Amino acid sequence: MLVRIVRLTFRPEAVTDFLNVFRASEDRIRQQPGCRHMELWQDADAPNVFCTHSHWDSAEHLDAYRRSALFGEVWPATKRLFAAPPVAFSVHPVTA
């Protein structure tokens, strides 16, 4: 499994627009092949900073989503709202 965390910083006036984009697409993202989990976190100290937290069966599934028509719709609508470039982490959970 691959865990993906992406930190997104938006212009303060663009937060509502981002939330609208996210709400309109979150169920469709969760339905992508290989997506096991998807949620959004908001920074308690910086209301224009969010993190997406998702679990994917594999890097290949994440890559397929990133090549999908849905990503082609969501990414440009989100990207135009940024105040700073996103910071992404892809990690594999470590089990003992």
PDB file of N, CA and C in Angstrom:
ATOM      1  N   MET A   1       0.841  -1.183   0.000  1.00  0.00           N
ATOM      2  CA  MET A   1       0.000   0.000   0.000  1.00  0.00           C
ATOM      3  C   MET A   1       0.885   1.245   0.000  1.00  0.00           C
ATOM      4  N   LEU A   2       0.387   2.268  -0.642  1.00  0.00           N
ATOM      5  CA  LEU A   2       1.076   3.549  -0.722  1.00  0.00           C
ATOM      6  C   LEU A   2       0.211   4.601  -0.034  1.00  0.00           C
ATOM      7  N   VAL A   3       0.795   5.361   0.870  1.00  0.00           N
ATOM      8  CA  VAL A   3       0.100   6.454   1.536  1.00  0.00           C
ATOM      9  C   VAL A   3       0.606   7.754   0.924  1.00  0.00           C
ATOM     10  N   ARG A   4      -0.309   8.616   0.571  1.00  0.00           N
ATOM     11  CA  ARG A   4       0.045   9.875  -0.078  1.00  0.00           C
ATOM     12  C   ARG A   4      -0.503  11.026   0.761  1.00  0.00           C
ATOM     13  N   ILE A   5       0.372  11.951   1.117  1.00  0.00           N
ATOM     14  CA  ILE A   5      -0.026  13.166   1.824  1.00  0.00           C
ATOM     15  C   ILE A   5       0.454  14.344   0.984  1.00  0.00           C
ATOM     16  N   VAL A   6      -0.458  15.247   0.697  1.00  0.00           N
ATOM     17  CA  VAL A   6      -0.128  16.427  -0.104  1.00  0.00           C
ATOM     18  C   VAL A   6      -0.561  17.663   0.672  1.00  0.00           C
ATOM     19  N   ARG A   7       0.407  18.541   0.927  1.00  0.00           N
ATOM     20  CA  ARG A   7       0.126  19.809   1.625  1.00  0.00           C
ATOM     21  C   ARG A   7      -0.192  20.861   0.564  1.00  0.00           C
ATOM     22  N   LEU A   8      -1.359  21.491   0.718  1.00  0.00           N
ATOM     23  CA  LEU A   8      -1.846  22.467  -0.259  1.00  0.00           C
ATOM     24  C   LEU A   8      -2.063  23.800   0.444  1.00  0.00           C
ATOM     25  N   THR A   9      -1.450  24.852  -0.067  1.00  0.00           N
ATOM     26  CA  THR A   9      -1.614  26.180   0.503  1.00  0.00           C
ATOM     27  C   THR A   9      -2.316  27.052  -0.529  1.00  0.00           C
ATOM     28  N   PHE A  10      -3.456  27.583  -0.142  1.00  0.00           N
ATOM     29  CA  PHE A  10      -4.279  28.371  -1.054  1.00  0.00           C
ATOM     30  C   PHE A  10      -4.258  29.846  -0.681  1.00  0.00           C
ATOM     31  N   ARG A  11      -4.540  30.672  -1.676  1.00  0.00           N
ATOM     32  CA  ARG A  11      -4.753  32.083  -1.370  1.00  0.00           C
ATOM     33  C   ARG A  11      -5.961  32.151  -0.435  1.00  0.00           C
ATOM     34  N   PRO A  12      -5.931  32.995   0.598  1.00  0.00           N
ATOM     35  CA  PRO A  12      -7.045  33.038   1.559  1.00  0.00           C
ATOM     36  C   PRO A  12      -8.414  33.219   0.899  1.00  0.00           C
ATOM     37  N   GLU A  13      -8.472  34.035  -0.127  1.00  0.00           N
ATOM     38  CA  GLU A  13      -9.758  34.280  -0.790  1.00  0.00           C
ATOM     39  C   GLU A  13     -10.207  33.102  -1.673  1.00  0.00           C
ATOM     40  N   ALA A  14      -9.339  32.110  -1.850  1.00  0.00           N
ATOM     41  CA  ALA A  14      -9.644  30.975  -2.721  1.00  0.00           C
ATOM     42  C   ALA A  14     -10.053  29.715  -1.956  1.00  0.00           C
ATOM     43  N   VAL A  15     -10.069  29.762  -0.638  1.00  0.00           N
ATOM     44  CA  VAL A  15     -10.373  28.571   0.166  1.00  0.00           C
ATOM     45  C   VAL A  15     -11.758  28.014  -0.161  1.00  0.00           C
ATOM     46  N   THR A  16     -12.757  28.869  -0.235  1.00  0.00           N
ATOM     47  CA  THR A  16     -14.111  28.398  -0.541  1.00  0.00           C
ATOM     48  C   THR A  16     -14.162  27.744  -1.913  1.00  0.00           C
ATOM     49  N   ASP A  17     -13.485  28.318  -2.889  1.00  0.00           N
ATOM     50  CA  ASP A  17     -13.445  27.715  -4.227  1.00  0.00           C
ATOM     51  C   ASP A  17     -12.794  26.332  -4.178  1.00  0.00           C
ATOM     52  N   PHE A  18     -11.694  26.209  -3.426  1.00  0.00           N
ATOM     53  CA  PHE A  18     -11.054  24.898  -3.300  1.00  0.00           C
ATOM     54  C   PHE A  18     -11.998  23.884  -2.662  1.00  0.00           C
ATOM     55  N   LEU A  19     -12.648  24.274  -1.572  1.00  0.00           N
ATOM     56  CA  LEU A  19     -13.562  23.347  -0.903  1.00  0.00           C
ATOM     57  C   LEU A  19     -14.687  22.910  -1.829  1.00  0.00           C
ATOM     58  N   ASN A  20     -15.151  23.791  -2.681  1.00  0.00           N
ATOM     59  CA  ASN A  20     -16.177  23.421  -3.654  1.00  0.00           C
ATOM     60  C   ASN A  20     -15.646  22.402  -4.652  1.00  0.00           C
ATOM     61  N   VAL A  21     -14.433  22.605  -5.142  1.00  0.00           N
ATOM     62  CA  VAL A  21     -13.817  21.649  -6.068  1.00  0.00           C
ATOM     63  C   VAL A  21     -13.637  20.302  -5.382  1.00  0.00           C
ATOM     64  N   PHE A  22     -13.125  20.318  -4.159  1.00  0.00           N
ATOM     65  CA  PHE A  22     -12.898  19.069  -3.445  1.00  0.00           C
ATOM     66  C   PHE A  22     -14.215  18.326  -3.206  1.00  0.00           C
ATOM     67  N   ARG A  23     -15.205  19.016  -2.711  1.00  0.00           N
ATOM     68  CA  ARG A  23     -16.496  18.367  -2.412  1.00  0.00           C
ATOM     69  C   ARG A  23     -17.146  17.795  -3.672  1.00  0.00           C
ATOM     70  N   ALA A  24     -16.968  18.469  -4.791  1.00  0.00           N
ATOM     71  CA  ALA A  24     -17.555  17.994  -6.045  1.00  0.00           C
ATOM     72  C   ALA A  24     -16.837  16.765  -6.594  1.00  0.00           C
ATOM     73  N   SER A  25     -15.605  16.527  -6.160  1.00  0.00           N
ATOM     74  CA  SER A  25     -14.818  15.435  -6.744  1.00  0.00           C
ATOM     75  C   SER A  25     -14.440  14.329  -5.771  1.00  0.00           C
ATOM     76  N   GLU A  26     -14.595  14.534  -4.471  1.00  0.00           N
ATOM     77  CA  GLU A  26     -14.066  13.575  -3.500  1.00  0.00           C
ATOM     78  C   GLU A  26     -14.644  12.176  -3.664  1.00  0.00           C
ATOM     79  N   ASP A  27     -15.931  12.029  -3.895  1.00  0.00           N
ATOM     80  CA  ASP A  27     -16.499  10.692  -4.063  1.00  0.00           C
ATOM     81  C   ASP A  27     -15.967  10.009  -5.317  1.00  0.00           C
ATOM     82  N   ARG A  28     -15.805  10.775  -6.387  1.00  0.00           N
ATOM     83  CA  ARG A  28     -15.266  10.187  -7.626  1.00  0.00           C
ATOM     84  C   ARG A  28     -13.801   9.798  -7.455  1.00  0.00           C
ATOM     85  N   ILE A  29     -13.038  10.543  -6.676  1.00  0.00           N
ATOM     86  CA  ILE A  29     -11.646  10.161  -6.410  1.00  0.00           C
ATOM     87  C   ILE A  29     -11.621   8.862  -5.620  1.00  0.00           C
ATOM     88  N   ARG A  30     -12.465   8.774  -4.607  1.00  0.00           N
ATOM     89  CA  ARG A  30     -12.520   7.551  -3.787  1.00  0.00           C
ATOM     90  C   ARG A  30     -12.907   6.321  -4.606  1.00  0.00           C
ATOM     91  N   GLN A  31     -13.594   6.519  -5.705  1.00  0.00           N
ATOM     92  CA  GLN A  31     -14.025   5.409  -6.547  1.00  0.00           C
ATOM     93  C   GLN A  31     -12.982   5.013  -7.597  1.00  0.00           C
ATOM     94  N   GLN A  32     -11.867   5.713  -7.656  1.00  0.00           N
ATOM     95  CA  GLN A  32     -10.825   5.372  -8.616  1.00  0.00           C
ATOM     96  C   GLN A  32     -10.242   4.000  -8.269  1.00  0.00           C
ATOM     97  N   PRO A  33      -9.913   3.203  -9.286  1.00  0.00           N
ATOM     98  CA  PRO A  33      -9.321   1.892  -9.006  1.00  0.00           C
ATOM     99  C   PRO A  33      -8.076   2.024  -8.133  1.00  0.00           C
ATOM    100  N   GLY A  34      -8.039   1.248  -7.069  1.00  0.00           N
ATOM    101  CA  GLY A  34      -6.880   1.244  -6.183  1.00  0.00           C
ATOM    102  C   GLY A  34      -6.916   2.252  -5.063  1.00  0.00           C
ATOM    103  N   CYS A  35      -7.895   3.160  -5.060  1.00  0.00           N
ATOM    104  CA  CYS A  35      -7.999   4.140  -3.970  1.00  0.00           C
ATOM    105  C   CYS A  35      -8.724   3.478  -2.806  1.00  0.00           C
ATOM    106  N   ARG A  36      -8.041   3.371  -1.680  1.00  0.00           N
ATOM    107  CA  ARG A  36      -8.616   2.742  -0.494  1.00  0.00           C
ATOM    108  C   ARG A  36      -9.139   3.753   0.518  1.00  0.00           C
ATOM    109  N   HIS A  37      -8.615   4.969   0.457  1.00  0.00           N
ATOM    110  CA  HIS A  37      -8.977   5.970   1.468  1.00  0.00           C
ATOM    111  C   HIS A  37      -8.626   7.345   0.922  1.00  0.00           C
ATOM    112  N   MET A  38      -9.463   8.329   1.235  1.00  0.00           N
ATOM    113  CA  MET A  38      -9.183   9.706   0.827  1.00  0.00           C
ATOM    114  C   MET A  38      -9.881  10.622   1.808  1.00  0.00           C
ATOM    115  N   GLU A  39      -9.122  11.549   2.381  1.00  0.00           N
ATOM    116  CA  GLU A  39      -9.727  12.541   3.260  1.00  0.00           C
ATOM    117  C   GLU A  39      -8.959  13.847   3.161  1.00  0.00           C
ATOM    118  N   LEU A  40      -9.566  14.885   3.692  1.00  0.00           N
ATOM    119  CA  LEU A  40      -8.981  16.220   3.673  1.00  0.00           C
ATOM    120  C   LEU A  40      -8.839  16.707   5.101  1.00  0.00           C
ATOM    121  N   TRP A  41      -7.685  17.262   5.406  1.00  0.00           N
ATOM    122  CA  TRP A  41      -7.424  17.865   6.716  1.00  0.00           C
ATOM    123  C   TRP A  41      -7.189  19.350   6.513  1.00  0.00           C
ATOM    124  N   GLN A  42      -7.649  20.160   7.448  1.00  0.00           N
ATOM    125  CA  GLN A  42      -7.382  21.602   7.435  1.00  0.00           C
ATOM    126  C   GLN A  42      -6.480  21.933   8.608  1.00  0.00           C
ATOM    127  N   ASP A  43      -5.460  22.733   8.358  1.00  0.00           N
ATOM    128  CA  ASP A  43      -4.525  23.144   9.404  1.00  0.00           C
ATOM    129  C   ASP A  43      -5.264  24.028  10.411  1.00  0.00           C
ATOM    130  N   ALA A  44      -5.224  23.659  11.672  1.00  0.00           N
ATOM    131  CA  ALA A  44      -5.923  24.410  12.716  1.00  0.00           C
ATOM    132  C   ALA A  44      -5.334  25.804  12.916  1.00  0.00           C
ATOM    133  N   ASP A  45      -4.061  25.971  12.577  1.00  0.00           N
ATOM    134  CA  ASP A  45      -3.401  27.263  12.787  1.00  0.00           C
ATOM    135  C   ASP A  45      -3.318  28.119  11.527  1.00  0.00           C
ATOM    136  N   ALA A  46      -3.592  27.524  10.383  1.00  0.00           N
ATOM    137  CA  ALA A  46      -3.521  28.250   9.110  1.00  0.00           C
ATOM    138  C   ALA A  46      -4.705  27.806   8.251  1.00  0.00           C
ATOM    139  N   PRO A  47      -5.828  28.515   8.313  1.00  0.00           N
ATOM    140  CA  PRO A  47      -7.050  28.052   7.657  1.00  0.00           C
ATOM    141  C   PRO A  47      -6.998  27.987   6.133  1.00  0.00           C
ATOM    142  N   ASN A  48      -5.926  28.466   5.533  1.00  0.00           N
ATOM    143  CA  ASN A  48      -5.796  28.342   4.080  1.00  0.00           C
ATOM    144  C   ASN A  48      -4.859  27.188   3.690  1.00  0.00           C
ATOM    145  N   VAL A  49      -4.457  26.372   4.671  1.00  0.00           N
ATOM    146  CA  VAL A  49      -3.559  25.234   4.420  1.00  0.00           C
ATOM    147  C   VAL A  49      -4.330  23.937   4.692  1.00  0.00           C
ATOM    148  N   PHE A  50      -4.247  23.030   3.731  1.00  0.00           N
ATOM    149  CA  PHE A  50      -4.929  21.744   3.812  1.00  0.00           C
ATOM    150  C   PHE A  50      -3.945  20.639   3.475  1.00  0.00           C
ATOM    151  N   CYS A  51      -4.287  19.431   3.884  1.00  0.00           N
ATOM    152  CA  CYS A  51      -3.551  18.243   3.459  1.00  0.00           C
ATOM    153  C   CYS A  51      -4.557  17.215   2.980  1.00  0.00           C
ATOM    154  N   THR A  52      -4.268  16.633   1.835  1.00  0.00           N
ATOM    155  CA  THR A  52      -5.038  15.465   1.427  1.00  0.00           C
ATOM    156  C   THR A  52      -4.276  14.250   1.922  1.00  0.00           C
ATOM    157  N   HIS A  53      -5.005  13.257   2.361  1.00  0.00           N
ATOM    158  CA  HIS A  53      -4.425  12.024   2.896  1.00  0.00           C
ATOM    159  C   HIS A  53      -5.133  10.890   2.174  1.00  0.00           C
ATOM    160  N   SER A  54      -4.380  10.121   1.398  1.00  0.00           N
ATOM    161  CA  SER A  54      -5.000   9.035   0.639  1.00  0.00           C
ATOM    162  C   SER A  54      -4.162   7.770   0.736  1.00  0.00           C
ATOM    163  N   HIS A  55      -4.843   6.648   0.592  1.00  0.00           N
ATOM    164  CA  HIS A  55      -4.187   5.335   0.564  1.00  0.00           C
ATOM    165  C   HIS A  55      -4.494   4.709  -0.789  1.00  0.00           C
ATOM    166  N   TRP A  56      -3.460   4.192  -1.440  1.00  0.00           N
ATOM    167  CA  TRP A  56      -3.590   3.559  -2.754  1.00  0.00           C
ATOM    168  C   TRP A  56      -3.014   2.149  -2.684  1.00  0.00           C
ATOM    169  N   ASP A  57      -3.599   1.252  -3.436  1.00  0.00           N
ATOM    170  CA  ASP A  57      -3.092  -0.123  -3.457  1.00  0.00           C
ATOM    171  C   ASP A  57      -1.638  -0.176  -3.905  1.00  0.00           C
ATOM    172  N   SER A  58      -1.276   0.727  -4.822  1.00  0.00           N
ATOM    173  CA  SER A  58       0.090   0.723  -5.349  1.00  0.00           C
ATOM    174  C   SER A  58       0.389   2.071  -6.002  1.00  0.00           C
ATOM    175  N   ALA A  59       1.665   2.293  -6.277  1.00  0.00           N
ATOM    176  CA  ALA A  59       2.080   3.507  -6.995  1.00  0.00           C
ATOM    177  C   ALA A  59       1.483   3.512  -8.396  1.00  0.00           C
ATOM    178  N   GLU A  60       1.306   2.346  -8.979  1.00  0.00           N
ATOM    179  CA  GLU A  60       0.715   2.250 -10.314  1.00  0.00           C
ATOM    180  C   GLU A  60      -0.727   2.756 -10.315  1.00  0.00           C
ATOM    181  N   HIS A  61      -1.485   2.446  -9.256  1.00  0.00           N
ATOM    182  CA  HIS A  61      -2.854   2.944  -9.169  1.00  0.00           C
ATOM    183  C   HIS A  61      -2.874   4.467  -9.023  1.00  0.00           C
ATOM    184  N   LEU A  62      -1.977   5.000  -8.206  1.00  0.00           N
ATOM    185  CA  LEU A  62      -1.895   6.449  -8.068  1.00  0.00           C
ATOM    186  C   LEU A  62      -1.521   7.088  -9.394  1.00  0.00           C
ATOM    187  N   ASP A  63      -0.553   6.505 -10.090  1.00  0.00           N
ATOM    188  CA  ASP A  63      -0.152   7.034 -11.399  1.00  0.00           C
ATOM    189  C   ASP A  63      -1.310   6.984 -12.392  1.00  0.00           C
ATOM    190  N   ALA A  64      -2.094   5.899 -12.359  1.00  0.00           N
ATOM    191  CA  ALA A  64      -3.250   5.794 -13.263  1.00  0.00           C
ATOM    192  C   ALA A  64      -4.260   6.897 -12.963  1.00  0.00           C
ATOM    193  N   TYR A  65      -4.493   7.167 -11.691  1.00  0.00           N
ATOM    194  CA  TYR A  65      -5.396   8.268 -11.331  1.00  0.00           C
ATOM    195  C   TYR A  65      -4.840   9.588 -11.853  1.00  0.00           C
ATOM    196  N   ARG A  66      -3.547   9.793 -11.699  1.00  0.00           N
ATOM    197  CA  ARG A  66      -2.942  11.057 -12.138  1.00  0.00           C
ATOM    198  C   ARG A  66      -2.966  11.220 -13.652  1.00  0.00           C
ATOM    199  N   ARG A  67      -3.180  10.135 -14.379  1.00  0.00           N
ATOM    200  CA  ARG A  67      -3.335  10.201 -15.842  1.00  0.00           C
ATOM    201  C   ARG A  67      -4.805  10.231 -16.266  1.00  0.00           C
ATOM    202  N   SER A  68      -5.720  10.145 -15.306  1.00  0.00           N
ATOM    203  CA  SER A  68      -7.145  10.031 -15.615  1.00  0.00           C
ATOM    204  C   SER A  68      -7.766  11.371 -16.012  1.00  0.00           C
ATOM    205  N   ALA A  69      -8.918  11.269 -16.653  1.00  0.00           N
ATOM    206  CA  ALA A  69      -9.680  12.464 -17.014  1.00  0.00           C
ATOM    207  C   ALA A  69     -10.117  13.221 -15.761  1.00  0.00           C
ATOM    208  N   LEU A  70     -10.436  12.493 -14.699  1.00  0.00           N
ATOM    209  CA  LEU A  70     -10.837  13.151 -13.449  1.00  0.00           C
ATOM    210  C   LEU A  70      -9.709  14.030 -12.912  1.00  0.00           C
ATOM    211  N   PHE A  71      -8.491  13.508 -12.849  1.00  0.00           N
ATOM    212  CA  PHE A  71      -7.363  14.312 -12.392  1.00  0.00           C
ATOM    213  C   PHE A  71      -7.167  15.504 -13.330  1.00  0.00           C
ATOM    214  N   GLY A  72      -7.350  15.288 -14.627  1.00  0.00           N
ATOM    215  CA  GLY A  72      -7.236  16.375 -15.608  1.00  0.00           C
ATOM    216  C   GLY A  72      -8.264  17.469 -15.394  1.00  0.00           C
ATOM    217  N   GLU A  73      -9.341  17.134 -14.722  1.00  0.00           N
ATOM    218  CA  GLU A  73     -10.381  18.109 -14.377  1.00  0.00           C
ATOM    219  C   GLU A  73     -10.080  18.783 -13.037  1.00  0.00           C
ATOM    220  N   VAL A  74      -9.707  17.986 -12.036  1.00  0.00           N
ATOM    221  CA  VAL A  74      -9.521  18.486 -10.677  1.00  0.00           C
ATOM    222  C   VAL A  74      -8.235  19.304 -10.540  1.00  0.00           C
ATOM    223  N   TRP A  75      -7.142  18.810 -11.098  1.00  0.00           N
ATOM    224  CA  TRP A  75      -5.847  19.476 -10.909  1.00  0.00           C
ATOM    225  C   TRP A  75      -5.836  20.912 -11.422  1.00  0.00           C
ATOM    226  N   PRO A  76      -6.264  21.202 -12.655  1.00  0.00           N
ATOM    227  CA  PRO A  76      -6.236  22.604 -13.098  1.00  0.00           C
ATOM    228  C   PRO A  76      -7.146  23.512 -12.267  1.00  0.00           C
ATOM    229  N   ALA A  77      -8.297  22.980 -11.840  1.00  0.00           N
ATOM    230  CA  ALA A  77      -9.221  23.787 -11.036  1.00  0.00           C
ATOM    231  C   ALA A  77      -8.631  24.100  -9.668  1.00  0.00           C
ATOM    232  N   THR A  78      -7.806  23.183  -9.146  1.00  0.00           N
ATOM    233  CA  THR A  78      -7.163  23.382  -7.848  1.00  0.00           C
ATOM    234  C   THR A  78      -5.898  24.231  -7.981  1.00  0.00           C
ATOM    235  N   LYS A  79      -5.105  23.907  -8.978  1.00  0.00           N
ATOM    236  CA  LYS A  79      -3.805  24.564  -9.172  1.00  0.00           C
ATOM    237  C   LYS A  79      -3.927  26.090  -9.294  1.00  0.00           C
ATOM    238  N   ARG A  80      -4.977  26.543  -9.917  1.00  0.00           N
ATOM    239  CA  ARG A  80      -5.141  27.997 -10.122  1.00  0.00           C
ATOM    240  C   ARG A  80      -5.397  28.748  -8.817  1.00  0.00           C
ATOM    241  N   LEU A  81      -5.671  28.020  -7.742  1.00  0.00           N
ATOM    242  CA  LEU A  81      -6.008  28.631  -6.454  1.00  0.00           C
ATOM    243  C   LEU A  81      -4.837  28.685  -5.476  1.00  0.00           C
ATOM    244  N   PHE A  82      -3.704  28.074  -5.853  1.00  0.00           N
ATOM    245  CA  PHE A  82      -2.570  27.962  -4.933  1.00  0.00           C
ATOM    246  C   PHE A  82      -1.927  29.307  -4.603  1.00  0.00           C
ATOM    247  N   ALA A  83      -1.465  29.406  -3.360  1.00  0.00           N
ATOM    248  CA  ALA A  83      -0.618  30.523  -2.943  1.00  0.00           C
ATOM    249  C   ALA A  83       0.840  30.089  -2.916  1.00  0.00           C
ATOM    250  N   ALA A  84       1.073  28.771  -2.879  1.00  0.00           N
ATOM    251  CA  ALA A  84       2.420  28.203  -2.860  1.00  0.00           C
ATOM    252  C   ALA A  84       2.351  26.829  -3.533  1.00  0.00           C
ATOM    253  N   PRO A  85       3.476  26.362  -4.054  1.00  0.00           N
ATOM    254  CA  PRO A  85       3.469  25.031  -4.667  1.00  0.00           C
ATOM    255  C   PRO A  85       3.114  23.951  -3.638  1.00  0.00           C
ATOM    256  N   PRO A  86       2.408  22.904  -4.069  1.00  0.00           N
ATOM    257  CA  PRO A  86       2.090  21.819  -3.147  1.00  0.00           C
ATOM    258  C   PRO A  86       3.347  21.045  -2.753  1.00  0.00           C
ATOM    259  N   VAL A  87       3.278  20.419  -1.601  1.00  0.00           N
ATOM    260  CA  VAL A  87       4.367  19.568  -1.124  1.00  0.00           C
ATOM    261  C   VAL A  87       3.761  18.180  -0.950  1.00  0.00           C
ATOM    262  N   ALA A  88       4.326  17.191  -1.659  1.00  0.00           N
ATOM    263  CA  ALA A  88       3.744  15.854  -1.648  1.00  0.00           C
ATOM    264  C   ALA A  88       4.724  14.850  -1.071  1.00  0.00           C
ATOM    265  N   PHE A  89       4.157  13.901  -0.334  1.00  0.00           N
ATOM    266  CA  PHE A  89       4.921  12.788   0.233  1.00  0.00           C
ATOM    267  C   PHE A  89       4.190  11.503  -0.119  1.00  0.00           C
ATOM    268  N   SER A  90       4.909  10.542  -0.640  1.00  0.00           N
ATOM    269  CA  SER A  90       4.375   9.198  -0.856  1.00  0.00           C
ATOM    270  C   SER A  90       5.220   8.264   0.004  1.00  0.00           C
ATOM    271  N   VAL A  91       4.544   7.510   0.866  1.00  0.00           N
ATOM    272  CA  VAL A  91       5.270   6.637   1.794  1.00  0.00           C
ATOM    273  C   VAL A  91       4.624   5.253   1.812  1.00  0.00           C
ATOM    274  N   HIS A  92       5.403   4.282   2.176  1.00  0.00           N
ATOM    275  CA  HIS A  92       4.910   2.934   2.406  1.00  0.00           C
ATOM    276  C   HIS A  92       4.865   2.728   3.914  1.00  0.00           C
ATOM    277  N   PRO A  93       3.707   2.314   4.446  1.00  0.00           N
ATOM    278  CA  PRO A  93       3.627   2.063   5.887  1.00  0.00           C
ATOM    279  C   PRO A  93       4.640   0.995   6.311  1.00  0.00           C
ATOM    280  N   VAL A  94       5.219   1.184   7.457  1.00  0.00           N
ATOM    281  CA  VAL A  94       6.169   0.226   8.010  1.00  0.00           C
ATOM    282  C   VAL A  94       5.441  -0.571   9.075  1.00  0.00           C
ATOM    283  N   THR A  95       5.525  -1.893   8.966  1.00  0.00           N
ATOM    284  CA  THR A  95       4.900  -2.738   9.968  1.00  0.00           C
ATOM    285  C   THR A  95       5.991  -3.484  10.732  1.00  0.00           C
ATOM    286  N   ALA A  96       5.748  -3.713  11.990  1.00  0.00           N
ATOM    287  CA  ALA A  96       6.740  -4.387  12.845  1.00  0.00           C
ATOM    288  C   ALA A  96       6.585  -5.888  12.734  1.00  0.00           C
TER     289      ALA A  96
END
